[in-house]
Amino acid sequence: MNRLLLFLFLLIGSLLASAGVALAQPTNAPAQRATPAEARATTLRRARQLELERRYESAWQLLGQLDPANLDPAVAMQKASLALNYYTATAGLSRFAFRDLKLTDLPPDSLRQIGQDSLRYRFAVRSVLDRLQRQHPNNYRLARALGDYYYTVQQCGCAEQDTGEDEVFLRTITEYEQAHAHGQGDYLSYFALGYAYQRLGRFRQSLPPFERSLELRYNNPTTHLNLAFVLLELRDLEKARYHARSAQHLFPDAHHKEDAGFLMQQIEERIRQTSSAKAAPQDPAPAPDAAPEPATAPAPDAPAPAEEPEMATVPENPVVQPRSPREEKRETRKKERRKE
């Protein structure tokens, strides 16, 4: 009996000791404070989430609080992306207006046409990115960001007024080529690089970036359309027809389907002309005793007037789309009348 009591006494003492140790340990230890790098990454993720929620002004204000002096390349590049994509008003891509939008509100590119917003936020995109690129020459994401800047300049015509369009295209090419050489590219940047070569008339050089863009996003009708235009200029007619047909199939709206169909008609007409020329009988050779007349090389067929295909409209895309083929023709006629 005494042994049983002794055993129970020892057991109860052991349980009480264990409970005392458990009570001595705090159940809710305070969380460790995040490091500056962790806090920065969390803020950048939060800003991206605000963009997805169409709360563009709130995203801008959050980024401004994180890096008001634009010293951090990652924050500055996110600011640049937000500024180039979602502004509702701008002055030279140096001052901007943003809005927090509801799902039912017009997208930013439509609000730009209204022009009611005041320019509250200063951010000289090119100056900031140029400075950071000099300070961080091995950060090739900055080259990608500058390529995006120059492409936007060409599309919107809202900055770099003293710089010729060809020079803007050359700068676009320089920045994108550097970025792509170091793995900083996607289907959009490869398309923009091909488009810059295309607009400079360097059609053969535009082929690799357009083809790379399709490797990354094959169902992009805009790339198919521009590639069809380039192949028409290079007289690769069967491939041109394939890509024009692909663009016509992939475009979701009637307006862009019509543009693809217009280019398809030009390609089909060129194919018919080429087939007719091959089927035409050859002139008989002159008699051996007759002195042949000096040979005159026939002038090559002039390329059918090929126009700049219009870029597809992407929801919430800030970039002003290139003029349609018909608009390019009208603009050319206006310029010719002015010269007269």
C-alpha atoms as a PDB file:
ATOM      1  CA  MET A   1       0.000   0.000   0.000  1.00  0.00           C
ATOM      2  CA  ASN A   2       2.821   2.376   0.907  1.00  0.00           C
ATOM      3  CA  ARG A   3       4.537   1.569  -2.371  1.00  0.00           C
ATOM      4  CA  LEU A   4       1.352   2.406  -4.291  1.00  0.00           C
ATOM      5  CA  LEU A   5       1.011   5.739  -2.502  1.00  0.00           C
ATOM      6  CA  LEU A   6       4.659   6.494  -3.190  1.00  0.00           C
ATOM      7  CA  PHE A   7       4.198   5.675  -6.881  1.00  0.00           C
ATOM      8  CA  LEU A   8       1.133   7.934  -7.152  1.00  0.00           C
ATOM      9  CA  PHE A   9       2.967  10.746  -5.392  1.00  0.00           C
ATOM     10  CA  LEU A  10       5.883  10.538  -7.786  1.00  0.00           C
ATOM     11  CA  LEU A  11       3.553  10.398 -10.824  1.00  0.00           C
ATOM     12  CA  ILE A  12       1.601  13.478  -9.716  1.00  0.00           C
ATOM     13  CA  GLY A  13       4.855  15.364  -9.077  1.00  0.00           C
ATOM     14  CA  SER A  14       6.141  14.531 -12.554  1.00  0.00           C
ATOM     15  CA  LEU A  15       2.909  15.755 -14.167  1.00  0.00           C
ATOM     16  CA  LEU A  16       2.978  18.998 -12.210  1.00  0.00           C
ATOM     17  CA  ALA A  17       6.599  19.602 -13.192  1.00  0.00           C
ATOM     18  CA  SER A  18       5.788  19.083 -16.881  1.00  0.00           C
ATOM     19  CA  ALA A  19       2.871  21.484 -16.645  1.00  0.00           C
ATOM     20  CA  GLY A  20       5.085  24.050 -14.982  1.00  0.00           C
ATOM     21  CA  VAL A  21       7.596  23.880 -17.839  1.00  0.00           C
ATOM     22  CA  ALA A  22       4.810  24.243 -20.415  1.00  0.00           C
ATOM     23  CA  LEU A  23       3.366  27.249 -18.592  1.00  0.00           C
ATOM     24  CA  ALA A  24       6.767  28.831 -18.390  1.00  0.00           C
ATOM     25  CA  GLN A  25       7.055  28.856 -22.227  1.00  0.00           C
ATOM     26  CA  PRO A  26       5.105  31.623 -24.007  1.00  0.00           C
ATOM     27  CA  THR A  27       2.392  30.286 -26.297  1.00  0.00           C
ATOM     28  CA  ASN A  28       2.403  33.212 -28.710  1.00  0.00           C
ATOM     29  CA  ALA A  29       5.978  34.300 -29.280  1.00  0.00           C
ATOM     30  CA  PRO A  30       6.229  37.654 -31.080  1.00  0.00           C
ATOM     31  CA  ALA A  31       6.981  37.338 -34.814  1.00  0.00           C
ATOM     32  CA  GLN A  32      10.452  38.289 -35.951  1.00  0.00           C
ATOM     33  CA  ARG A  33      10.687  41.680 -37.652  1.00  0.00           C
ATOM     34  CA  ALA A  34      11.081  41.433 -41.427  1.00  0.00           C
ATOM     35  CA  THR A  35      14.405  42.444 -42.919  1.00  0.00           C
ATOM     36  CA  PRO A  36      14.487  45.502 -45.245  1.00  0.00           C
ATOM     37  CA  ALA A  37      14.807  43.200 -48.268  1.00  0.00           C
ATOM     38  CA  GLU A  38      11.776  41.167 -47.191  1.00  0.00           C
ATOM     39  CA  ALA A  39       9.738  44.319 -46.537  1.00  0.00           C
ATOM     40  CA  ARG A  40      10.689  45.679 -49.975  1.00  0.00           C
ATOM     41  CA  ALA A  41       9.700  42.436 -51.726  1.00  0.00           C
ATOM     42  CA  THR A  42       6.372  42.412 -49.875  1.00  0.00           C
ATOM     43  CA  THR A  43       5.660  45.997 -50.926  1.00  0.00           C
ATOM     44  CA  LEU A  44       6.473  45.272 -54.576  1.00  0.00           C
ATOM     45  CA  ARG A  45       4.129  42.275 -54.532  1.00  0.00           C
ATOM     46  CA  ARG A  46       1.410  44.416 -52.971  1.00  0.00           C
ATOM     47  CA  ALA A  47       1.858  47.061 -55.677  1.00  0.00           C
ATOM     48  CA  ARG A  48       1.532  44.416 -58.394  1.00  0.00           C
ATOM     49  CA  GLN A  49      -1.633  43.134 -56.763  1.00  0.00           C
ATOM     50  CA  LEU A  50      -3.066  46.667 -56.749  1.00  0.00           C
ATOM     51  CA  GLU A  51      -2.360  46.871 -60.486  1.00  0.00           C
ATOM     52  CA  LEU A  52      -4.300  43.654 -61.045  1.00  0.00           C
ATOM     53  CA  GLU A  53      -7.170  45.188 -59.080  1.00  0.00           C
ATOM     54  CA  ARG A  54      -6.980  48.295 -61.359  1.00  0.00           C
ATOM     55  CA  ARG A  55      -6.049  50.480 -58.394  1.00  0.00           C
ATOM     56  CA  TYR A  56      -3.307  52.239 -60.313  1.00  0.00           C
ATOM     57  CA  GLU A  57      -3.055  55.418 -58.267  1.00  0.00           C
ATOM     58  CA  SER A  58      -2.853  53.438 -55.037  1.00  0.00           C
ATOM     59  CA  ALA A  59      -0.087  51.291 -56.544  1.00  0.00           C
ATOM     60  CA  TRP A  60       1.814  54.409 -57.579  1.00  0.00           C
ATOM     61  CA  GLN A  61       1.528  55.967 -54.129  1.00  0.00           C
ATOM     62  CA  LEU A  62       2.749  52.763 -52.490  1.00  0.00           C
ATOM     63  CA  LEU A  63       5.805  52.625 -54.763  1.00  0.00           C
ATOM     64  CA  GLY A  64       6.469  56.304 -54.133  1.00  0.00           C
ATOM     65  CA  GLN A  65       6.567  55.716 -50.401  1.00  0.00           C
ATOM     66  CA  LEU A  66       8.929  52.778 -50.877  1.00  0.00           C
ATOM     67  CA  ASP A  67      11.501  54.703 -52.951  1.00  0.00           C
ATOM     68  CA  PRO A  68      10.726  58.429 -53.243  1.00  0.00           C
ATOM     69  CA  ALA A  69      14.182  59.298 -54.658  1.00  0.00           C
ATOM     70  CA  ASN A  70      14.136  56.590 -57.382  1.00  0.00           C
ATOM     71  CA  LEU A  71      17.379  55.001 -56.223  1.00  0.00           C
ATOM     72  CA  ASP A  72      16.302  51.339 -56.285  1.00  0.00           C
ATOM     73  CA  PRO A  73      16.348  49.837 -59.818  1.00  0.00           C
ATOM     74  CA  ALA A  74      13.632  47.273 -59.051  1.00  0.00           C
ATOM     75  CA  VAL A  75      11.238  49.890 -57.685  1.00  0.00           C
ATOM     76  CA  ALA A  76      12.047  52.375 -60.455  1.00  0.00           C
ATOM     77  CA  MET A  77      11.400  49.760 -63.149  1.00  0.00           C
ATOM     78  CA  GLN A  78       8.060  48.874 -61.599  1.00  0.00           C
ATOM     79  CA  LYS A  79       7.208  52.575 -61.516  1.00  0.00           C
ATOM     80  CA  ALA A  80       8.216  52.883 -65.185  1.00  0.00           C
ATOM     81  CA  SER A  81       6.038  49.932 -66.158  1.00  0.00           C
ATOM     82  CA  LEU A  82       3.076  51.385 -64.289  1.00  0.00           C
ATOM     83  CA  ALA A  83       3.653  54.833 -65.786  1.00  0.00           C
ATOM     84  CA  LEU A  84       3.965  53.614 -69.383  1.00  0.00           C
ATOM     85  CA  ASN A  85       1.018  51.247 -69.175  1.00  0.00           C
ATOM     86  CA  TYR A  86      -1.662  52.773 -67.011  1.00  0.00           C
ATOM     87  CA  TYR A  87      -1.477  56.576 -67.042  1.00  0.00           C
ATOM     88  CA  THR A  88      -4.647  58.520 -67.808  1.00  0.00           C
ATOM     89  CA  ALA A  89      -2.737  61.690 -68.727  1.00  0.00           C
ATOM     90  CA  THR A  90       0.907  62.591 -69.272  1.00  0.00           C
ATOM     91  CA  ALA A  91       3.179  65.454 -70.230  1.00  0.00           C
ATOM     92  CA  GLY A  92       6.167  64.158 -72.130  1.00  0.00           C
ATOM     93  CA  LEU A  93       6.215  60.900 -70.164  1.00  0.00           C
ATOM     94  CA  SER A  94       7.632  62.977 -67.306  1.00  0.00           C
ATOM     95  CA  ARG A  95       4.470  63.845 -65.374  1.00  0.00           C
ATOM     96  CA  PHE A  96       1.503  61.542 -64.971  1.00  0.00           C
ATOM     97  CA  ALA A  97      -2.027  61.117 -63.749  1.00  0.00           C
ATOM     98  CA  PHE A  98      -3.454  57.820 -62.518  1.00  0.00           C
ATOM     99  CA  ARG A  99      -6.808  56.604 -61.265  1.00  0.00           C
ATOM    100  CA  ASP A 100      -8.170  53.803 -59.144  1.00  0.00           C
ATOM    101  CA  LEU A 101     -10.704  52.178 -61.460  1.00  0.00           C
ATOM    102  CA  LYS A 102     -13.663  49.904 -60.939  1.00  0.00           C
ATOM    103  CA  LEU A 103     -14.138  46.855 -63.105  1.00  0.00           C
ATOM    104  CA  THR A 104     -16.880  48.656 -65.038  1.00  0.00           C
ATOM    105  CA  ASP A 105     -14.847  51.837 -65.673  1.00  0.00           C
ATOM    106  CA  LEU A 106     -13.253  52.654 -69.012  1.00  0.00           C
ATOM    107  CA  PRO A 107      -9.641  51.455 -69.429  1.00  0.00           C
ATOM    108  CA  PRO A 108      -6.819  54.002 -69.084  1.00  0.00           C
ATOM    109  CA  ASP A 109      -6.208  54.318 -72.840  1.00  0.00           C
ATOM    110  CA  SER A 110      -9.830  55.415 -73.313  1.00  0.00           C
ATOM    111  CA  LEU A 111      -9.633  57.850 -70.411  1.00  0.00           C
ATOM    112  CA  ARG A 112      -6.596  59.476 -72.036  1.00  0.00           C
ATOM    113  CA  GLN A 113      -8.791  60.629 -74.877  1.00  0.00           C
ATOM    114  CA  ILE A 114     -11.045  62.473 -72.432  1.00  0.00           C
ATOM    115  CA  GLY A 115      -8.138  64.387 -70.920  1.00  0.00           C
ATOM    116  CA  GLN A 116      -9.745  65.441 -67.645  1.00  0.00           C
ATOM    117  CA  ASP A 117      -7.082  64.350 -65.141  1.00  0.00           C
ATOM    118  CA  SER A 118      -4.509  66.658 -63.588  1.00  0.00           C
ATOM    119  CA  LEU A 119      -0.823  65.702 -63.650  1.00  0.00           C
ATOM    120  CA  ARG A 120      -0.019  65.094 -59.994  1.00  0.00           C
ATOM    121  CA  TYR A 121       3.004  62.788 -60.151  1.00  0.00           C
ATOM    122  CA  ARG A 122       6.493  63.599 -61.464  1.00  0.00           C
ATOM    123  CA  PHE A 123       8.573  60.774 -62.868  1.00  0.00           C
ATOM    124  CA  ALA A 124      10.864  61.465 -65.838  1.00  0.00           C
ATOM    125  CA  VAL A 125      10.997  57.908 -67.136  1.00  0.00           C
ATOM    126  CA  ARG A 126      13.970  58.206 -69.472  1.00  0.00           C
ATOM    127  CA  SER A 127      16.083  60.320 -67.109  1.00  0.00           C
ATOM    128  CA  VAL A 128      15.536  57.944 -64.197  1.00  0.00           C
ATOM    129  CA  LEU A 129      16.276  54.808 -66.231  1.00  0.00           C
ATOM    130  CA  ASP A 130      19.316  56.362 -67.957  1.00  0.00           C
ATOM    131  CA  ARG A 131      20.810  57.326 -64.600  1.00  0.00           C
ATOM    132  CA  LEU A 132      20.227  53.899 -63.092  1.00  0.00           C
ATOM    133  CA  GLN A 133      21.659  52.196 -66.176  1.00  0.00           C
ATOM    134  CA  ARG A 134      24.895  54.177 -65.791  1.00  0.00           C
ATOM    135  CA  GLN A 135      25.045  53.220 -62.114  1.00  0.00           C
ATOM    136  CA  HIS A 136      24.169  49.550 -62.718  1.00  0.00           C
ATOM    137  CA  PRO A 137      25.581  48.681 -66.184  1.00  0.00           C
ATOM    138  CA  ASN A 138      25.145  44.937 -65.656  1.00  0.00           C
ATOM    139  CA  ASN A 139      21.447  45.160 -64.796  1.00  0.00           C
ATOM    140  CA  TYR A 140      20.037  44.316 -68.215  1.00  0.00           C
ATOM    141  CA  ARG A 141      16.468  44.619 -67.039  1.00  0.00           C
ATOM    142  CA  LEU A 142      17.092  48.362 -67.253  1.00  0.00           C
ATOM    143  CA  ALA A 143      17.879  47.966 -70.969  1.00  0.00           C
ATOM    144  CA  ARG A 144      14.564  46.151 -71.375  1.00  0.00           C
ATOM    145  CA  ALA A 145      12.768  48.976 -69.541  1.00  0.00           C
ATOM    146  CA  LEU A 146      14.395  51.593 -71.787  1.00  0.00           C
ATOM    147  CA  GLY A 147      13.389  49.602 -74.860  1.00  0.00           C
ATOM    148  CA  ASP A 148       9.806  49.659 -73.605  1.00  0.00           C
ATOM    149  CA  TYR A 149      10.109  53.423 -73.084  1.00  0.00           C
ATOM    150  CA  TYR A 150      11.290  54.156 -76.638  1.00  0.00           C
ATOM    151  CA  TYR A 151       8.679  51.833 -78.138  1.00  0.00           C
ATOM    152  CA  THR A 152       5.983  53.683 -76.198  1.00  0.00           C
ATOM    153  CA  VAL A 153       7.406  57.017 -77.393  1.00  0.00           C
ATOM    154  CA  GLN A 154       7.021  55.915 -81.012  1.00  0.00           C
ATOM    155  CA  GLN A 155       3.521  54.615 -80.462  1.00  0.00           C
ATOM    156  CA  CYS A 156       2.057  57.530 -78.545  1.00  0.00           C
ATOM    157  CA  GLY A 157       4.050  60.409 -80.049  1.00  0.00           C
ATOM    158  CA  CYS A 158       3.838  62.035 -76.633  1.00  0.00           C
ATOM    159  CA  ALA A 159       7.535  62.565 -75.823  1.00  0.00           C
ATOM    160  CA  GLU A 160      10.975  63.117 -77.380  1.00  0.00           C
ATOM    161  CA  GLN A 161       9.527  65.647 -79.819  1.00  0.00           C
ATOM    162  CA  ASP A 162      13.002  66.794 -80.901  1.00  0.00           C
ATOM    163  CA  THR A 163      14.080  63.251 -81.768  1.00  0.00           C
ATOM    164  CA  GLY A 164      13.278  61.922 -85.227  1.00  0.00           C
ATOM    165  CA  GLU A 165      11.200  58.782 -85.561  1.00  0.00           C
ATOM    166  CA  ASP A 166      14.047  56.815 -87.162  1.00  0.00           C
ATOM    167  CA  GLU A 167      16.305  57.699 -84.231  1.00  0.00           C
ATOM    168  CA  VAL A 168      13.640  56.520 -81.794  1.00  0.00           C
ATOM    169  CA  PHE A 169      13.492  53.197 -83.646  1.00  0.00           C
ATOM    170  CA  LEU A 170      17.294  52.891 -83.550  1.00  0.00           C
ATOM    171  CA  ARG A 171      17.320  53.467 -79.792  1.00  0.00           C
ATOM    172  CA  THR A 172      14.539  50.917 -79.396  1.00  0.00           C
ATOM    173  CA  ILE A 173      16.648  48.377 -81.282  1.00  0.00           C
ATOM    174  CA  THR A 174      19.802  49.138 -79.270  1.00  0.00           C
ATOM    175  CA  GLU A 175      18.115  48.650 -75.897  1.00  0.00           C
ATOM    176  CA  TYR A 176      16.121  45.545 -76.827  1.00  0.00           C
ATOM    177  CA  GLU A 177      19.099  43.856 -78.505  1.00  0.00           C
ATOM    178  CA  GLN A 178      21.155  44.373 -75.352  1.00  0.00           C
ATOM    179  CA  ALA A 179      18.362  43.085 -73.131  1.00  0.00           C
ATOM    180  CA  HIS A 180      17.670  40.031 -75.289  1.00  0.00           C
ATOM    181  CA  ALA A 181      21.356  39.138 -75.437  1.00  0.00           C
ATOM    182  CA  HIS A 182      21.198  38.698 -71.659  1.00  0.00           C
ATOM    183  CA  GLY A 183      17.915  36.812 -71.412  1.00  0.00           C
ATOM    184  CA  GLN A 184      15.651  39.774 -70.653  1.00  0.00           C
ATOM    185  CA  GLY A 185      12.853  39.445 -73.190  1.00  0.00           C
ATOM    186  CA  ASP A 186       9.359  38.131 -73.797  1.00  0.00           C
ATOM    187  CA  TYR A 187       6.996  37.891 -76.739  1.00  0.00           C
ATOM    188  CA  LEU A 188       6.096  41.582 -76.456  1.00  0.00           C
ATOM    189  CA  SER A 189       9.680  42.855 -76.518  1.00  0.00           C
ATOM    190  CA  TYR A 190      10.591  40.566 -79.426  1.00  0.00           C
ATOM    191  CA  PHE A 191       7.555  41.821 -81.326  1.00  0.00           C
ATOM    192  CA  ALA A 192       8.534  45.448 -80.636  1.00  0.00           C
ATOM    193  CA  LEU A 193      12.082  44.774 -81.847  1.00  0.00           C
ATOM    194  CA  GLY A 194      10.808  43.207 -85.063  1.00  0.00           C
ATOM    195  CA  TYR A 195       8.411  46.112 -85.530  1.00  0.00           C
ATOM    196  CA  ALA A 196      11.269  48.637 -85.191  1.00  0.00           C
ATOM    197  CA  TYR A 197      13.284  46.836 -87.882  1.00  0.00           C
ATOM    198  CA  GLN A 198      10.175  46.608 -90.046  1.00  0.00           C
ATOM    199  CA  ARG A 199       9.447  50.335 -89.839  1.00  0.00           C
ATOM    200  CA  LEU A 200      13.050  51.129 -90.784  1.00  0.00           C
ATOM    201  CA  GLY A 201      12.652  48.970 -93.897  1.00  0.00           C
ATOM    202  CA  ARG A 202      15.127  46.379 -92.620  1.00  0.00           C
ATOM    203  CA  PHE A 203      12.743  43.543 -93.375  1.00  0.00           C
ATOM    204  CA  ARG A 204      15.141  40.624 -93.298  1.00  0.00           C
ATOM    205  CA  GLN A 205      16.436  41.681 -89.880  1.00  0.00           C
ATOM    206  CA  SER A 206      12.868  41.817 -88.583  1.00  0.00           C
ATOM    207  CA  LEU A 207      12.279  38.118 -89.274  1.00  0.00           C
ATOM    208  CA  PRO A 208      14.184  36.564 -86.307  1.00  0.00           C
ATOM    209  CA  PRO A 209      12.506  38.689 -83.590  1.00  0.00           C
ATOM    210  CA  PHE A 210       9.044  38.199 -85.109  1.00  0.00           C
ATOM    211  CA  GLU A 211       9.619  34.446 -85.315  1.00  0.00           C
ATOM    212  CA  ARG A 212      10.939  34.373 -81.747  1.00  0.00           C
ATOM    213  CA  SER A 213       7.858  36.275 -80.598  1.00  0.00           C
ATOM    214  CA  LEU A 214       5.655  33.604 -82.183  1.00  0.00           C
ATOM    215  CA  GLU A 215       7.683  30.857 -80.483  1.00  0.00           C
ATOM    216  CA  LEU A 216       6.827  32.465 -77.161  1.00  0.00           C
ATOM    217  CA  ARG A 217       3.177  33.295 -77.956  1.00  0.00           C
ATOM    218  CA  TYR A 218       2.054  31.585 -81.147  1.00  0.00           C
ATOM    219  CA  ASN A 219      -1.570  32.677 -80.995  1.00  0.00           C
ATOM    220  CA  ASN A 220      -0.760  36.401 -81.120  1.00  0.00           C
ATOM    221  CA  PRO A 221      -2.493  37.629 -84.304  1.00  0.00           C
ATOM    222  CA  THR A 222      -0.590  40.931 -84.390  1.00  0.00           C
ATOM    223  CA  THR A 223       2.735  39.177 -84.847  1.00  0.00           C
ATOM    224  CA  HIS A 224       1.307  36.958 -87.589  1.00  0.00           C
ATOM    225  CA  LEU A 225      -0.005  40.040 -89.402  1.00  0.00           C
ATOM    226  CA  ASN A 226       3.266  41.970 -89.284  1.00  0.00           C
ATOM    227  CA  LEU A 227       5.244  38.894 -90.253  1.00  0.00           C
ATOM    228  CA  ALA A 228       2.945  38.412 -93.267  1.00  0.00           C
ATOM    229  CA  PHE A 229       3.647  42.005 -94.316  1.00  0.00           C
ATOM    230  CA  VAL A 230       7.424  41.482 -94.069  1.00  0.00           C
ATOM    231  CA  LEU A 231       7.291  38.206 -96.002  1.00  0.00           C
ATOM    232  CA  LEU A 232       5.260  39.916 -98.732  1.00  0.00           C
ATOM    233  CA  GLU A 233       7.996  42.541 -99.042  1.00  0.00           C
ATOM    234  CA  LEU A 234      10.585  39.753 -99.240  1.00  0.00           C
ATOM    235  CA  ARG A 235       8.456  37.940-101.885  1.00  0.00           C
ATOM    236  CA  ASP A 236       8.088  34.806 -99.777  1.00  0.00           C
ATOM    237  CA  LEU A 237       4.453  34.643-100.817  1.00  0.00           C
ATOM    238  CA  GLU A 238       3.365  31.228 -99.548  1.00  0.00           C
ATOM    239  CA  LYS A 239       4.609  31.925 -96.031  1.00  0.00           C
ATOM    240  CA  ALA A 240       3.088  35.402 -96.212  1.00  0.00           C
ATOM    241  CA  ARG A 241      -0.279  33.906 -97.110  1.00  0.00           C
ATOM    242  CA  TYR A 242      -0.053  31.406 -94.238  1.00  0.00           C
ATOM    243  CA  HIS A 243       0.604  34.102 -91.629  1.00  0.00           C
ATOM    244  CA  ALA A 244      -2.018  36.486 -93.031  1.00  0.00           C
ATOM    245  CA  ARG A 245      -4.570  33.677 -92.893  1.00  0.00           C
ATOM    246  CA  SER A 246      -3.504  32.861 -89.326  1.00  0.00           C
ATOM    247  CA  ALA A 247      -3.934  36.490 -88.292  1.00  0.00           C
ATOM    248  CA  GLN A 248      -7.375  36.674 -89.870  1.00  0.00           C
ATOM    249  CA  HIS A 249      -8.408  33.541 -88.005  1.00  0.00           C
ATOM    250  CA  LEU A 250      -6.993  34.634 -84.638  1.00  0.00           C
ATOM    251  CA  PHE A 251      -8.205  38.236 -84.483  1.00  0.00           C
ATOM    252  CA  PRO A 252     -11.378  38.335 -82.369  1.00  0.00           C
ATOM    253  CA  ASP A 253     -12.899  41.529 -83.820  1.00  0.00           C
ATOM    254  CA  ALA A 254     -14.209  42.418 -87.261  1.00  0.00           C
ATOM    255  CA  HIS A 255     -12.024  45.514 -87.680  1.00  0.00           C
ATOM    256  CA  HIS A 256      -8.742  43.655 -87.372  1.00  0.00           C
ATOM    257  CA  LYS A 257     -10.047  40.693 -89.353  1.00  0.00           C
ATOM    258  CA  GLU A 258     -10.741  43.183 -92.143  1.00  0.00           C
ATOM    259  CA  ASP A 259      -7.159  44.476 -92.010  1.00  0.00           C
ATOM    260  CA  ALA A 260      -5.827  40.927 -92.227  1.00  0.00           C
ATOM    261  CA  GLY A 261      -8.182  40.251 -95.125  1.00  0.00           C
ATOM    262  CA  PHE A 262      -6.945  43.382 -96.908  1.00  0.00           C
ATOM    263  CA  LEU A 263      -3.352  42.144 -96.656  1.00  0.00           C
ATOM    264  CA  MET A 264      -4.458  38.680 -97.767  1.00  0.00           C
ATOM    265  CA  GLN A 265      -5.938  40.194-100.959  1.00  0.00           C
ATOM    266  CA  GLN A 266      -2.597  41.842-101.764  1.00  0.00           C
ATOM    267  CA  ILE A 267      -0.758  38.568-101.249  1.00  0.00           C
ATOM    268  CA  GLU A 268      -3.223  36.617-103.399  1.00  0.00           C
ATOM    269  CA  GLU A 269      -2.923  39.220-106.167  1.00  0.00           C
ATOM    270  CA  ARG A 270       0.865  38.979-106.077  1.00  0.00           C
ATOM    271  CA  ILE A 271       0.669  35.182-106.269  1.00  0.00           C
ATOM    272  CA  ARG A 272      -1.603  35.443-109.333  1.00  0.00           C
ATOM    273  CA  GLN A 273       0.773  37.892-110.999  1.00  0.00           C
ATOM    274  CA  THR A 274       3.720  35.606-110.360  1.00  0.00           C
ATOM    275  CA  SER A 275       1.882  32.561-111.705  1.00  0.00           C
ATOM    276  CA  SER A 276       0.813  34.453-114.845  1.00  0.00           C
ATOM    277  CA  ALA A 277       4.361  35.607-115.492  1.00  0.00           C
ATOM    278  CA  LYS A 278       5.657  32.033-115.265  1.00  0.00           C
ATOM    279  CA  ALA A 279       2.949  30.747-117.621  1.00  0.00           C
ATOM    280  CA  ALA A 280       3.532  33.425-120.300  1.00  0.00           C
ATOM    281  CA  PRO A 281       5.308  32.102-123.488  1.00  0.00           C
ATOM    282  CA  GLN A 282       8.916  33.167-123.941  1.00  0.00           C
ATOM    283  CA  ASP A 283       9.953  35.412-126.884  1.00  0.00           C
ATOM    284  CA  PRO A 284      11.603  33.389-129.691  1.00  0.00           C
ATOM    285  CA  ALA A 285      15.386  33.623-129.913  1.00  0.00           C
ATOM    286  CA  PRO A 286      16.726  35.826-132.789  1.00  0.00           C
ATOM    287  CA  ALA A 287      17.942  34.140-135.983  1.00  0.00           C
ATOM    288  CA  PRO A 288      21.655  33.275-135.932  1.00  0.00           C
ATOM    289  CA  ASP A 289      22.540  35.728-138.741  1.00  0.00           C
ATOM    290  CA  ALA A 290      20.599  38.629-137.248  1.00  0.00           C
ATOM    291  CA  ALA A 291      22.423  41.048-135.002  1.00  0.00           C
ATOM    292  CA  PRO A 292      20.603  40.947-131.699  1.00  0.00           C
ATOM    293  CA  GLU A 293      19.442  44.210-130.250  1.00  0.00           C
ATOM    294  CA  PRO A 294      21.009  45.307-126.952  1.00  0.00           C
ATOM    295  CA  ALA A 295      19.320  43.487-124.104  1.00  0.00           C
ATOM    296  CA  THR A 296      17.346  45.626-121.696  1.00  0.00           C
ATOM    297  CA  ALA A 297      16.694  44.069-118.347  1.00  0.00           C
ATOM    298  CA  PRO A 298      12.990  44.281-117.580  1.00  0.00           C
ATOM    299  CA  ALA A 299      12.172  46.436-114.612  1.00  0.00           C
ATOM    300  CA  PRO A 300      11.158  44.243-111.694  1.00  0.00           C
ATOM    301  CA  ASP A 301       7.538  44.302-110.743  1.00  0.00           C
ATOM    302  CA  ALA A 302       6.983  47.079-108.243  1.00  0.00           C
ATOM    303  CA  PRO A 303       5.841  45.699-104.922  1.00  0.00           C
ATOM    304  CA  ALA A 304       2.160  46.061-104.317  1.00  0.00           C
ATOM    305  CA  PRO A 305       1.569  48.900-101.881  1.00  0.00           C
ATOM    306  CA  ALA A 306       1.996  47.176 -98.559  1.00  0.00           C
ATOM    307  CA  GLU A 307       0.809  48.989 -95.524  1.00  0.00           C
ATOM    308  CA  GLU A 308       1.732  48.894 -91.885  1.00  0.00           C
ATOM    309  CA  PRO A 309      -0.550  46.323 -90.262  1.00  0.00           C
ATOM    310  CA  GLU A 310      -2.347  47.575 -87.216  1.00  0.00           C
ATOM    311  CA  MET A 311      -1.462  46.136 -83.857  1.00  0.00           C
ATOM    312  CA  ALA A 312      -4.073  44.177 -82.023  1.00  0.00           C
ATOM    313  CA  THR A 313      -5.933  46.000 -79.304  1.00  0.00           C
ATOM    314  CA  VAL A 314      -5.070  44.481 -75.948  1.00  0.00           C
ATOM    315  CA  PRO A 315      -7.350  45.312 -73.013  1.00  0.00           C
ATOM    316  CA  GLU A 316      -5.768  47.885 -70.709  1.00  0.00           C
ATOM    317  CA  ASN A 317      -2.835  48.272 -73.169  1.00  0.00           C
ATOM    318  CA  PRO A 318      -1.474  51.804 -72.899  1.00  0.00           C
ATOM    319  CA  VAL A 319       0.286  51.727 -76.252  1.00  0.00           C
ATOM    320  CA  VAL A 320      -1.393  53.599 -79.084  1.00  0.00           C
ATOM    321  CA  GLN A 321      -1.717  51.131 -81.912  1.00  0.00           C
ATOM    322  CA  PRO A 322      -0.028  51.760 -85.284  1.00  0.00           C
ATOM    323  CA  ARG A 323      -2.149  53.273 -88.014  1.00  0.00           C
ATOM    324  CA  SER A 324      -4.104  50.871 -90.191  1.00  0.00           C
ATOM    325  CA  PRO A 325      -3.088  50.368 -93.849  1.00  0.00           C
ATOM    326  CA  ARG A 326      -5.808  52.692 -95.124  1.00  0.00           C
ATOM    327  CA  GLU A 327      -4.819  55.401 -92.642  1.00  0.00           C
ATOM    328  CA  GLU A 328      -1.184  55.140 -93.742  1.00  0.00           C
ATOM    329  CA  LYS A 329      -2.247  55.697 -97.369  1.00  0.00           C
ATOM    330  CA  ARG A 330      -4.332  58.740 -96.470  1.00  0.00           C
ATOM    331  CA  GLU A 331      -1.454  60.222 -94.465  1.00  0.00           C
ATOM    332  CA  THR A 332       0.955  59.691 -97.387  1.00  0.00           C
ATOM    333  CA  ARG A 333      -1.412  61.481 -99.786  1.00  0.00           C
ATOM    334  CA  LYS A 334      -1.716  64.429 -97.383  1.00  0.00           C
ATOM    335  CA  LYS A 335       2.076  64.781 -97.211  1.00  0.00           C
ATOM    336  CA  GLU A 336       2.349  64.700-101.019  1.00  0.00           C
ATOM    337  CA  ARG A 337      -0.267  67.458-101.337  1.00  0.00           C
ATOM    338  CA  ARG A 338       1.647  69.611 -98.857  1.00  0.00           C
ATOM    339  CA  LYS A 339       4.838  69.245-100.925  1.00  0.00           C
ATOM    340  CA  GLU A 340       2.970  70.322-104.058  1.00  0.00           C
END
